[in-house]
C-alpha atoms as a PDB file:
ATOM      1  CA  MET A   1      -3.809 -10.348  28.956  1.00  0.00           C
ATOM      2  CA  ASP A   2      -0.070 -11.017  28.960  1.00  0.00           C
ATOM      3  CA  VAL A   3       2.609 -11.732  26.405  1.00  0.00           C
ATOM      4  CA  ARG A   4       2.599 -15.422  27.320  1.00  0.00           C
ATOM      5  CA  GLN A   5      -1.035 -15.755  26.232  1.00  0.00           C
ATOM      6  CA  LEU A   6      -0.219 -14.134  22.897  1.00  0.00           C
ATOM      7  CA  ARG A   7       2.749 -16.454  22.424  1.00  0.00           C
ATOM      8  CA  TYR A   8       0.578 -19.492  23.190  1.00  0.00           C
ATOM      9  CA  PHE A   9      -2.122 -18.285  20.806  1.00  0.00           C
ATOM     10  CA  VAL A  10       0.379 -17.789  17.959  1.00  0.00           C
ATOM     11  CA  ALA A  11       1.723 -21.306  18.511  1.00  0.00           C
ATOM     12  CA  VAL A  12      -1.789 -22.787  18.298  1.00  0.00           C
ATOM     13  CA  ALA A  13      -2.487 -20.718  15.152  1.00  0.00           C
ATOM     14  CA  ASP A  14       0.756 -21.911  13.551  1.00  0.00           C
ATOM     15  CA  GLU A  15       0.252 -25.576  14.386  1.00  0.00           C
ATOM     16  CA  LEU A  16      -3.574 -25.733  14.238  1.00  0.00           C
ATOM     17  CA  SER A  17      -3.174 -28.359  16.924  1.00  0.00           C
ATOM     18  CA  PHE A  18      -3.194 -27.924  20.704  1.00  0.00           C
ATOM     19  CA  ARG A  19      -1.042 -31.032  21.150  1.00  0.00           C
ATOM     20  CA  ARG A  20       1.669 -29.912  18.699  1.00  0.00           C
ATOM     21  CA  ALA A  21       1.587 -26.365  20.087  1.00  0.00           C
ATOM     22  CA  ALA A  22       2.002 -27.696  23.638  1.00  0.00           C
ATOM     23  CA  ASP A  23       4.956 -29.831  22.535  1.00  0.00           C
ATOM     24  CA  ARG A  24       6.532 -26.847  20.792  1.00  0.00           C
ATOM     25  CA  LEU A  25       6.114 -24.672  23.899  1.00  0.00           C
ATOM     26  CA  HIS A  26       7.103 -27.459  26.330  1.00  0.00           C
ATOM     27  CA  VAL A  27       3.932 -26.986  28.404  1.00  0.00           C
ATOM     28  CA  ALA A  28       1.089 -29.304  29.372  1.00  0.00           C
ATOM     29  CA  GLN A  29      -1.812 -29.250  26.938  1.00  0.00           C
ATOM     30  CA  PRO A  30      -4.448 -28.444  29.655  1.00  0.00           C
ATOM     31  CA  ALA A  31      -2.378 -25.426  30.728  1.00  0.00           C
ATOM     32  CA  LEU A  32      -2.166 -24.251  27.122  1.00  0.00           C
ATOM     33  CA  SER A  33      -5.950 -24.627  26.697  1.00  0.00           C
ATOM     34  CA  ARG A  34      -6.573 -22.596  29.869  1.00  0.00           C
ATOM     35  CA  GLN A  35      -4.376 -19.751  28.656  1.00  0.00           C
ATOM     36  CA  ILE A  36      -6.190 -19.601  25.303  1.00  0.00           C
ATOM     37  CA  GLN A  37      -9.539 -19.643  27.112  1.00  0.00           C
ATOM     38  CA  GLN A  38      -8.433 -16.801  29.384  1.00  0.00           C
ATOM     39  CA  LEU A  39      -7.327 -14.779  26.355  1.00  0.00           C
ATOM     40  CA  GLU A  40     -10.712 -15.350  24.683  1.00  0.00           C
ATOM     41  CA  ASP A  41     -12.515 -14.379  27.895  1.00  0.00           C
ATOM     42  CA  ARG A  42     -10.466 -11.181  28.168  1.00  0.00           C
ATOM     43  CA  LEU A  43     -11.178 -10.224  24.547  1.00  0.00           C
ATOM     44  CA  GLY A  44     -14.803 -11.344  24.652  1.00  0.00           C
ATOM     45  CA  VAL A  45     -14.582 -13.273  21.391  1.00  0.00           C
ATOM     46  CA  LEU A  46     -13.917 -16.829  20.242  1.00  0.00           C
ATOM     47  CA  LEU A  47     -10.482 -17.030  18.636  1.00  0.00           C
ATOM     48  CA  VAL A  48     -10.175 -20.748  17.952  1.00  0.00           C
ATOM     49  CA  GLU A  49     -12.827 -23.247  16.904  1.00  0.00           C
ATOM     50  CA  ARG A  50     -11.892 -26.707  18.128  1.00  0.00           C
ATOM     51  CA  ASP A  51     -13.237 -30.196  18.513  1.00  0.00           C
ATOM     52  CA  LYS A  52     -11.552 -33.585  18.838  1.00  0.00           C
ATOM     53  CA  ARG A  53     -10.429 -33.637  15.198  1.00  0.00           C
ATOM     54  CA  HIS A  54     -10.421 -30.013  14.055  1.00  0.00           C
ATOM     55  CA  VAL A  55      -8.752 -26.738  15.043  1.00  0.00           C
ATOM     56  CA  ALA A  56      -9.327 -23.539  13.029  1.00  0.00           C
ATOM     57  CA  LEU A  57      -9.090 -19.803  13.590  1.00  0.00           C
ATOM     58  CA  THR A  58     -12.271 -17.749  13.618  1.00  0.00           C
ATOM     59  CA  PRO A  59     -12.369 -14.440  11.689  1.00  0.00           C
ATOM     60  CA  ALA A  60     -11.637 -12.705  15.017  1.00  0.00           C
ATOM     61  CA  GLY A  61      -8.712 -15.089  15.489  1.00  0.00           C
ATOM     62  CA  ASP A  62      -7.287 -14.154  12.079  1.00  0.00           C
ATOM     63  CA  ALA A  63      -7.467 -10.459  12.988  1.00  0.00           C
ATOM     64  CA  VAL A  64      -5.913 -10.943  16.431  1.00  0.00           C
ATOM     65  CA  LEU A  65      -3.148 -13.134  14.997  1.00  0.00           C
ATOM     66  CA  LYS A  66      -1.781 -10.288  12.857  1.00  0.00           C
ATOM     67  CA  GLN A  67      -1.608  -7.985  15.870  1.00  0.00           C
ATOM     68  CA  ALA A  68      -0.181 -10.688  18.120  1.00  0.00           C
ATOM     69  CA  ARG A  69       2.697 -11.280  15.705  1.00  0.00           C
ATOM     70  CA  THR A  70       3.405  -7.533  15.618  1.00  0.00           C
ATOM     71  CA  VAL A  71       3.386  -7.266  19.420  1.00  0.00           C
ATOM     72  CA  LEU A  72       5.670 -10.282  19.842  1.00  0.00           C
ATOM     73  CA  GLY A  73       8.011  -8.963  17.171  1.00  0.00           C
ATOM     74  CA  LEU A  74       8.220  -5.616  18.958  1.00  0.00           C
ATOM     75  CA  MET A  75       8.903  -7.373  22.246  1.00  0.00           C
ATOM     76  CA  GLN A  76      11.835  -9.169  20.630  1.00  0.00           C
ATOM     77  CA  GLN A  77      13.151  -5.855  19.343  1.00  0.00           C
ATOM     78  CA  LEU A  78      12.639  -4.007  22.640  1.00  0.00           C
ATOM     79  CA  PRO A  79      16.082  -4.694  24.172  1.00  0.00           C
ATOM     80  CA  GLY A  80      17.829  -3.419  21.056  1.00  0.00           C
ATOM     81  CA  LEU A  81      15.556  -0.377  20.844  1.00  0.00           C
ATOM     82  CA  ALA A  82      16.204   0.414  24.500  1.00  0.00           C
ATOM     83  CA  GLN A  83      19.959   0.080  24.063  1.00  0.00           C
ATOM     84  CA  ARG A  84      19.942   2.321  20.999  1.00  0.00           C
ATOM     85  CA  ALA A  85      17.802   4.892  22.821  1.00  0.00           C
ATOM     86  CA  ALA A  86      20.194   4.828  25.792  1.00  0.00           C
ATOM     87  CA  ALA A  87      23.026   5.488  23.349  1.00  0.00           C
ATOM     88  CA  GLY A  88      21.175   8.512  21.957  1.00  0.00           C
ATOM     89  CA  CYS A  89      19.701   6.809  18.895  1.00  0.00           C
ATOM     90  CA  SER A  90      15.946   6.719  18.236  1.00  0.00           C
ATOM     91  CA  ALA A  91      14.011   4.052  16.356  1.00  0.00           C
ATOM     92  CA  HIS A  92      12.979   5.240  12.926  1.00  0.00           C
ATOM     93  CA  LEU A  93      11.045   4.101   9.878  1.00  0.00           C
ATOM     94  CA  ARG A  94      11.926   5.374   6.406  1.00  0.00           C
ATOM     95  CA  VAL A  95       8.796   5.876   4.291  1.00  0.00           C
ATOM     96  CA  GLY A  96       9.199   6.590   0.581  1.00  0.00           C
ATOM     97  CA  PHE A  97       6.436   8.065  -1.537  1.00  0.00           C
ATOM     98  CA  ILE A  98       5.711   9.408  -5.007  1.00  0.00           C
ATOM     99  CA  SER A  99       4.231  12.871  -5.534  1.00  0.00           C
ATOM    100  CA  LEU A 100       0.937  11.397  -6.741  1.00  0.00           C
ATOM    101  CA  VAL A 101       0.111  10.086  -3.254  1.00  0.00           C
ATOM    102  CA  ALA A 102       1.516  12.922  -1.160  1.00  0.00           C
ATOM    103  CA  SER A 103      -1.761  14.786  -0.547  1.00  0.00           C
ATOM    104  CA  GLU A 104      -4.406  12.074  -0.446  1.00  0.00           C
ATOM    105  CA  PHE A 105      -2.749   9.003   1.089  1.00  0.00           C
ATOM    106  CA  LEU A 106       0.518   9.927   2.801  1.00  0.00           C
ATOM    107  CA  PRO A 107      -0.987  11.965   5.684  1.00  0.00           C
ATOM    108  CA  MET A 108      -3.552   9.315   6.644  1.00  0.00           C
ATOM    109  CA  LEU A 109      -1.059   6.453   6.475  1.00  0.00           C
ATOM    110  CA  VAL A 110       1.574   8.239   8.554  1.00  0.00           C
ATOM    111  CA  ARG A 111      -0.975   9.494  11.120  1.00  0.00           C
ATOM    112  CA  GLY A 112      -2.375   5.970  11.499  1.00  0.00           C
ATOM    113  CA  PHE A 113       1.111   4.580  12.148  1.00  0.00           C
ATOM    114  CA  ARG A 114       2.134   7.355  14.551  1.00  0.00           C
ATOM    115  CA  SER A 115      -1.017   6.873  16.629  1.00  0.00           C
ATOM    116  CA  GLU A 116       0.283   3.404  17.533  1.00  0.00           C
ATOM    117  CA  PHE A 117       4.026   4.121  17.482  1.00  0.00           C
ATOM    118  CA  PRO A 118       4.304   7.710  18.759  1.00  0.00           C
ATOM    119  CA  ASN A 119       7.982   7.379  19.701  1.00  0.00           C
ATOM    120  CA  VAL A 120       9.143   6.211  16.289  1.00  0.00           C
ATOM    121  CA  ASP A 121      10.807   8.817  14.093  1.00  0.00           C
ATOM    122  CA  VAL A 122       9.170   8.636  10.643  1.00  0.00           C
ATOM    123  CA  LYS A 123      11.516   9.842   7.914  1.00  0.00           C
ATOM    124  CA  LEU A 124       9.801  10.754   4.626  1.00  0.00           C
ATOM    125  CA  ASN A 125      11.602  10.458   1.293  1.00  0.00           C
ATOM    126  CA  GLU A 126      10.084  11.311  -2.098  1.00  0.00           C
ATOM    127  CA  PHE A 127      11.157   9.298  -5.131  1.00  0.00           C
ATOM    128  CA  GLN A 128      10.119   9.220  -8.787  1.00  0.00           C
ATOM    129  CA  VAL A 129       7.312   6.950  -9.913  1.00  0.00           C
ATOM    130  CA  LEU A 130       9.534   5.375 -12.597  1.00  0.00           C
ATOM    131  CA  GLN A 131      11.873   4.025  -9.924  1.00  0.00           C
ATOM    132  CA  GLN A 132       9.129   1.688  -8.666  1.00  0.00           C
ATOM    133  CA  PHE A 133      10.859  -0.698  -6.225  1.00  0.00           C
ATOM    134  CA  GLU A 134      14.454   0.484  -6.694  1.00  0.00           C
ATOM    135  CA  PRO A 135      14.663   2.475  -3.403  1.00  0.00           C
ATOM    136  CA  LEU A 136      13.339  -0.568  -1.516  1.00  0.00           C
ATOM    137  CA  LEU A 137      15.723  -2.999  -3.187  1.00  0.00           C
ATOM    138  CA  ARG A 138      18.646  -0.646  -2.464  1.00  0.00           C
ATOM    139  CA  GLU A 139      17.387  -0.474   1.153  1.00  0.00           C
ATOM    140  CA  ASP A 140      17.232   3.326   0.966  1.00  0.00           C
ATOM    141  CA  ILE A 141      13.715   3.130   2.470  1.00  0.00           C
ATOM    142  CA  ASP A 142      11.753   0.590   4.534  1.00  0.00           C
ATOM    143  CA  VAL A 143       8.294   0.968   3.002  1.00  0.00           C
ATOM    144  CA  ALA A 144       6.987   2.714  -0.124  1.00  0.00           C
ATOM    145  CA  ILE A 145       3.684   4.307  -1.077  1.00  0.00           C
ATOM    146  CA  LEU A 146       3.445   4.206  -4.835  1.00  0.00           C
ATOM    147  CA  ARG A 147       1.479   3.500  -7.974  1.00  0.00           C
ATOM    148  CA  LEU A 148       1.892  -0.217  -8.525  1.00  0.00           C
ATOM    149  CA  LEU A 149       2.939  -1.338 -11.994  1.00  0.00           C
ATOM    150  CA  LYS A 150       4.198  -4.918 -11.990  1.00  0.00           C
ATOM    151  CA  PRO A 151       5.072  -7.514  -9.342  1.00  0.00           C
ATOM    152  CA  ASP A 152       8.545  -8.394  -8.104  1.00  0.00           C
ATOM    153  CA  ALA A 153       9.286 -11.615  -6.200  1.00  0.00           C
ATOM    154  CA  ALA A 154      11.405  -9.704  -3.679  1.00  0.00           C
ATOM    155  CA  ILE A 155       8.634  -7.219  -2.898  1.00  0.00           C
ATOM    156  CA  ALA A 156       5.398  -7.651  -0.948  1.00  0.00           C
ATOM    157  CA  SER A 157       2.563  -5.180  -1.500  1.00  0.00           C
ATOM    158  CA  TYR A 158      -0.925  -4.244  -0.348  1.00  0.00           C
ATOM    159  CA  VAL A 159      -3.283  -2.288  -2.601  1.00  0.00           C
ATOM    160  CA  ILE A 160      -4.926   0.531  -0.665  1.00  0.00           C
ATOM    161  CA  GLN A 161      -7.038   1.834  -3.552  1.00  0.00           C
ATOM    162  CA  ARG A 162      -7.839   1.061  -7.183  1.00  0.00           C
ATOM    163  CA  GLN A 163      -8.541   4.370  -8.898  1.00  0.00           C
ATOM    164  CA  ARG A 164     -10.241   5.124 -12.179  1.00  0.00           C
ATOM    165  CA  PHE A 165      -8.286   6.899 -14.890  1.00  0.00           C
ATOM    166  CA  VAL A 166      -9.095  10.456 -15.948  1.00  0.00           C
ATOM    167  CA  VAL A 167      -7.752  12.686 -18.690  1.00  0.00           C
ATOM    168  CA  ALA A 168      -5.863  15.851 -17.770  1.00  0.00           C
ATOM    169  CA  LEU A 169      -6.642  18.680 -20.211  1.00  0.00           C
ATOM    170  CA  PRO A 170      -5.270  22.198 -20.619  1.00  0.00           C
ATOM    171  CA  GLU A 171      -7.651  24.662 -19.011  1.00  0.00           C
ATOM    172  CA  GLY A 172     -10.154  25.962 -21.560  1.00  0.00           C
ATOM    173  CA  HIS A 173      -9.545  23.105 -24.028  1.00  0.00           C
ATOM    174  CA  PRO A 174     -12.645  22.443 -26.217  1.00  0.00           C
ATOM    175  CA  LEU A 175     -12.995  18.951 -24.679  1.00  0.00           C
ATOM    176  CA  CYS A 176     -13.520  20.595 -21.280  1.00  0.00           C
ATOM    177  CA  ARG A 177     -17.058  21.413 -22.413  1.00  0.00           C
ATOM    178  CA  SER A 178     -17.979  17.758 -21.856  1.00  0.00           C
ATOM    179  CA  GLU A 179     -18.539  16.357 -18.370  1.00  0.00           C
ATOM    180  CA  SER A 180     -16.998  12.995 -19.339  1.00  0.00           C
ATOM    181  CA  LEU A 181     -15.083  11.638 -22.321  1.00  0.00           C
ATOM    182  CA  ALA A 182     -14.067   8.407 -24.046  1.00  0.00           C
ATOM    183  CA  VAL A 183     -10.476   7.624 -25.017  1.00  0.00           C
ATOM    184  CA  GLY A 184     -11.510   7.864 -28.669  1.00  0.00           C
ATOM    185  CA  ASP A 185     -12.322  11.547 -28.138  1.00  0.00           C
ATOM    186  CA  LEU A 186      -8.570  12.129 -27.722  1.00  0.00           C
ATOM    187  CA  ALA A 187      -7.585  10.812 -31.174  1.00  0.00           C
ATOM    188  CA  CYS A 188      -6.589  14.250 -32.477  1.00  0.00           C
ATOM    189  CA  GLU A 189      -4.578  15.252 -29.412  1.00  0.00           C
ATOM    190  CA  ASP A 190      -0.878  15.216 -28.569  1.00  0.00           C
ATOM    191  CA  PHE A 191      -0.096  13.243 -25.404  1.00  0.00           C
ATOM    192  CA  VAL A 192       2.225  13.833 -22.480  1.00  0.00           C
ATOM    193  CA  SER A 193       3.238  10.620 -20.716  1.00  0.00           C
ATOM    194  CA  LEU A 194       5.805   8.809 -18.657  1.00  0.00           C
ATOM    195  CA  PRO A 195       8.145   6.843 -20.951  1.00  0.00           C
ATOM    196  CA  ALA A 196       6.899   3.666 -22.634  1.00  0.00           C
ATOM    197  CA  GLY A 197       9.558   1.014 -22.076  1.00  0.00           C
ATOM    198  CA  PRO A 198       9.785  -2.703 -22.871  1.00  0.00           C
ATOM    199  CA  GLY A 199       7.265  -4.928 -21.105  1.00  0.00           C
ATOM    200  CA  LYS A 200       4.690  -3.351 -18.858  1.00  0.00           C
ATOM    201  CA  SER A 201       5.362   0.346 -18.317  1.00  0.00           C
ATOM    202  CA  PHE A 202       3.428   3.441 -17.297  1.00  0.00           C
ATOM    203  CA  GLY A 203       3.754   5.026 -20.727  1.00  0.00           C
ATOM    204  CA  GLY A 204       2.825   1.711 -22.276  1.00  0.00           C
ATOM    205  CA  LEU A 205      -0.581   1.945 -20.626  1.00  0.00           C
ATOM    206  CA  THR A 206      -1.346   5.156 -22.496  1.00  0.00           C
ATOM    207  CA  LEU A 207      -0.318   3.560 -25.785  1.00  0.00           C
ATOM    208  CA  ARG A 208      -2.496   0.525 -25.084  1.00  0.00           C
ATOM    209  CA  PHE A 209      -5.511   2.625 -24.147  1.00  0.00           C
ATOM    210  CA  CYS A 210      -5.192   4.576 -27.408  1.00  0.00           C
ATOM    211  CA  ARG A 211      -4.689   1.489 -29.568  1.00  0.00           C
ATOM    212  CA  ASP A 212      -7.648  -0.245 -27.928  1.00  0.00           C
ATOM    213  CA  ALA A 213      -9.689   2.818 -28.908  1.00  0.00           C
ATOM    214  CA  GLY A 214      -8.543   2.449 -32.537  1.00  0.00           C
ATOM    215  CA  PHE A 215      -5.845   5.095 -32.999  1.00  0.00           C
ATOM    216  CA  GLU A 216      -2.149   5.827 -32.559  1.00  0.00           C
ATOM    217  CA  PRO A 217      -1.244   8.933 -30.532  1.00  0.00           C
ATOM    218  CA  ARG A 218      -0.363  11.771 -32.853  1.00  0.00           C
ATOM    219  CA  ALA A 219       2.632  12.693 -30.675  1.00  0.00           C
ATOM    220  CA  MET A 220       3.990  11.422 -27.338  1.00  0.00           C
ATOM    221  CA  HIS A 221       6.040  13.771 -25.143  1.00  0.00           C
ATOM    222  CA  ASP A 222       7.907  11.808 -22.449  1.00  0.00           C
ATOM    223  CA  VAL A 223       8.586  13.240 -18.981  1.00  0.00           C
ATOM    224  CA  GLY A 224      10.143  11.846 -15.822  1.00  0.00           C
ATOM    225  CA  ASP A 225       7.425  12.260 -13.198  1.00  0.00           C
ATOM    226  CA  SER A 226       3.755  13.091 -12.653  1.00  0.00           C
ATOM    227  CA  GLN A 227       4.294  16.708 -11.643  1.00  0.00           C
ATOM    228  CA  ALA A 228       6.302  17.471 -14.796  1.00  0.00           C
ATOM    229  CA  MET A 229       3.669  15.702 -16.887  1.00  0.00           C
ATOM    230  CA  LEU A 230       0.850  17.819 -15.482  1.00  0.00           C
ATOM    231  CA  GLY A 231       2.962  20.960 -15.790  1.00  0.00           C
ATOM    232  CA  MET A 232       3.299  20.295 -19.516  1.00  0.00           C
ATOM    233  CA  VAL A 233      -0.452  19.722 -19.779  1.00  0.00           C
ATOM    234  CA  GLY A 234      -1.038  23.055 -18.057  1.00  0.00           C
ATOM    235  CA  ALA A 235       1.338  24.660 -20.553  1.00  0.00           C
ATOM    236  CA  GLY A 236      -0.791  23.350 -23.436  1.00  0.00           C
ATOM    237  CA  VAL A 237       1.726  20.796 -24.759  1.00  0.00           C
ATOM    238  CA  GLY A 238      -0.814  17.959 -24.771  1.00  0.00           C
ATOM    239  CA  VAL A 239      -3.224  15.841 -22.734  1.00  0.00           C
ATOM    240  CA  ALA A 240      -2.433  13.033 -20.271  1.00  0.00           C
ATOM    241  CA  ILE A 241      -4.241   9.934 -19.021  1.00  0.00           C
ATOM    242  CA  VAL A 242      -3.611   9.757 -15.275  1.00  0.00           C
ATOM    243  CA  PRO A 243      -5.054   8.175 -12.107  1.00  0.00           C
ATOM    244  CA  GLU A 244      -7.676  10.281 -10.385  1.00  0.00           C
ATOM    245  CA  ALA A 245      -5.265  10.993  -7.518  1.00  0.00           C
ATOM    246  CA  ALA A 246      -3.537  13.461  -9.877  1.00  0.00           C
ATOM    247  CA  ARG A 247      -6.315  15.939  -9.071  1.00  0.00           C
ATOM    248  CA  HIS A 248      -4.757  16.399  -5.631  1.00  0.00           C
ATOM    249  CA  LEU A 249      -1.560  17.788  -7.150  1.00  0.00           C
ATOM    250  CA  HIS A 250      -3.516  21.023  -7.814  1.00  0.00           C
ATOM    251  CA  THR A 251      -1.575  21.950 -10.960  1.00  0.00           C
ATOM    252  CA  ASP A 252      -2.430  25.382 -12.373  1.00  0.00           C
ATOM    253  CA  GLY A 253      -4.040  25.427 -15.817  1.00  0.00           C
ATOM    254  CA  VAL A 254      -5.220  21.793 -15.738  1.00  0.00           C
ATOM    255  CA  GLU A 255      -8.764  20.401 -15.795  1.00  0.00           C
ATOM    256  CA  TYR A 256      -9.801  16.755 -15.420  1.00  0.00           C
ATOM    257  CA  ARG A 257     -12.565  14.703 -17.020  1.00  0.00           C
ATOM    258  CA  PRO A 258     -13.450  11.043 -16.330  1.00  0.00           C
ATOM    259  CA  LEU A 259     -12.909   8.507 -19.111  1.00  0.00           C
ATOM    260  CA  ASN A 260     -16.167   6.580 -19.134  1.00  0.00           C
ATOM    261  CA  ASP A 261     -14.970   3.714 -21.355  1.00  0.00           C
ATOM    262  CA  LEU A 262     -11.981   2.647 -19.233  1.00  0.00           C
ATOM    263  CA  GLU A 263     -12.747  -0.122 -16.756  1.00  0.00           C
ATOM    264  CA  GLU A 264      -9.085  -0.682 -15.859  1.00  0.00           C
ATOM    265  CA  ARG A 265      -7.939   0.885 -12.597  1.00  0.00           C
ATOM    266  CA  ALA A 266      -4.638   2.317 -11.390  1.00  0.00           C
ATOM    267  CA  GLU A 267      -3.424   0.549  -8.244  1.00  0.00           C
ATOM    268  CA  ILE A 268      -2.147   2.698  -5.388  1.00  0.00           C
ATOM    269  CA  ALA A 269      -0.264   0.483  -2.954  1.00  0.00           C
ATOM    270  CA  ILE A 270       2.191   0.219  -0.119  1.00  0.00           C
ATOM    271  CA  ALA A 271       5.194  -2.026  -0.737  1.00  0.00           C
ATOM    272  CA  TRP A 272       7.996  -3.453   1.374  1.00  0.00           C
ATOM    273  CA  ARG A 273      10.772  -6.028   1.140  1.00  0.00           C
ATOM    274  CA  ALA A 274       9.148  -9.446   1.409  1.00  0.00           C
ATOM    275  CA  GLN A 275      11.850 -10.821   3.718  1.00  0.00           C
ATOM    276  CA  ASP A 276      12.064  -7.747   5.961  1.00  0.00           C
ATOM    277  CA  THR A 277      11.682  -8.713   9.639  1.00  0.00           C
ATOM    278  CA  ASN A 278      11.613  -5.148  10.991  1.00  0.00           C
ATOM    279  CA  PRO A 279       8.500  -5.082  13.246  1.00  0.00           C
ATOM    280  CA  LEU A 280       7.995  -1.386  12.480  1.00  0.00           C
ATOM    281  CA  VAL A 281       7.396  -2.318   8.844  1.00  0.00           C
ATOM    282  CA  GLY A 282       4.789  -4.822  10.023  1.00  0.00           C
ATOM    283  CA  GLY A 283       3.238  -2.128  12.192  1.00  0.00           C
ATOM    284  CA  PHE A 284       3.024   0.265   9.252  1.00  0.00           C
ATOM    285  CA  VAL A 285       1.419  -2.410   7.061  1.00  0.00           C
ATOM    286  CA  ASP A 286      -1.119  -3.291   9.757  1.00  0.00           C
ATOM    287  CA  ALA A 287      -1.994   0.387  10.250  1.00  0.00           C
ATOM    288  CA  ALA A 288      -2.453   0.750   6.480  1.00  0.00           C
ATOM    289  CA  ARG A 289      -4.798  -2.248   6.389  1.00  0.00           C
ATOM    290  CA  ARG A 290      -6.944  -0.665   9.083  1.00  0.00           C
ATOM    291  CA  SER A 291      -7.019   2.733   7.346  1.00  0.00           C
ATOM    292  CA  PHE A 292      -7.737   1.171   3.942  1.00  0.00           C
ATOM    293  CA  PRO A 293      -9.592  -2.153   4.331  1.00  0.00           C
ATOM    294  CA  ALA A 294      -9.396  -4.348   1.242  1.00  0.00           C
ATOM    295  CA  GLN A 295     -13.165  -4.307   0.671  1.00  0.00           C
ATOM    296  CA  PHE A 296     -13.038  -0.518   0.181  1.00  0.00           C
ATOM    297  CA  ALA A 297     -10.060  -0.486  -2.206  1.00  0.00           C
ATOM    298  CA  MET A 298     -12.117   0.245  -5.338  1.00  0.00           C
ATOM    299  CA  SER A 299     -12.818   3.912  -6.065  1.00  0.00           C
ATOM    300  CA  PRO A 300     -16.282   4.805  -7.418  1.00  0.00           C
END
């Protein structure tokens, strides 16, 4: 396998026509067909289904195409990377994350990326969940691992898991006697939440869950991040509706119970600038897709 075969395959995938791909590459069509056949023989799979009127990628072709684009992108970046390394600078990727994902998702995602890009310096930066895409839009980071709230046209994202919501209770609270609860069981409780702003907001979810259950929260104490929220729960200030990943924060004095009447899920995702051409971002996204395939995104 060589880079030329990958370049030819990407051209065929883009054009879905051997003739147009050959014209684009300025090669004879039979030579192009031979290179694709050699690539398929080397991989042991059929990448392209073709007949006289139809060209389409197979499922294996779709999978190989993503990797081929990453490899070709890295090849284009190689001269610059080599020059920066010779000047004493190393390639790096800035990964931002919120505290909620630090224990469960961050290690696996970073390990998966480093296994393929061992010479890349991964710089980790924590940011607050309420900032959402701000660090990306300011270009403070290259990729974010966060709890997804609402879309932004400038941001691309991939959901790695959809988690059920649970309620965080002060340790020893009477509701801890039950193995599971409904939102209506919380009608007499004070709540601790992230702020409820205009439009879709994290705190707004808590309000909606309560109103759908037929009550208004007796009191809402706003905090700035998940760790502060759970700290206030542990201090007995109130209860909080949180994604199940909050369990991994291991906050003293807090117990969790599933909410059996909530079908909605919290989306944990990676996000990046949609127009970013940095191949390391593409490599991180591809590694995330392999670690968290889409068909396994739903938590039990």
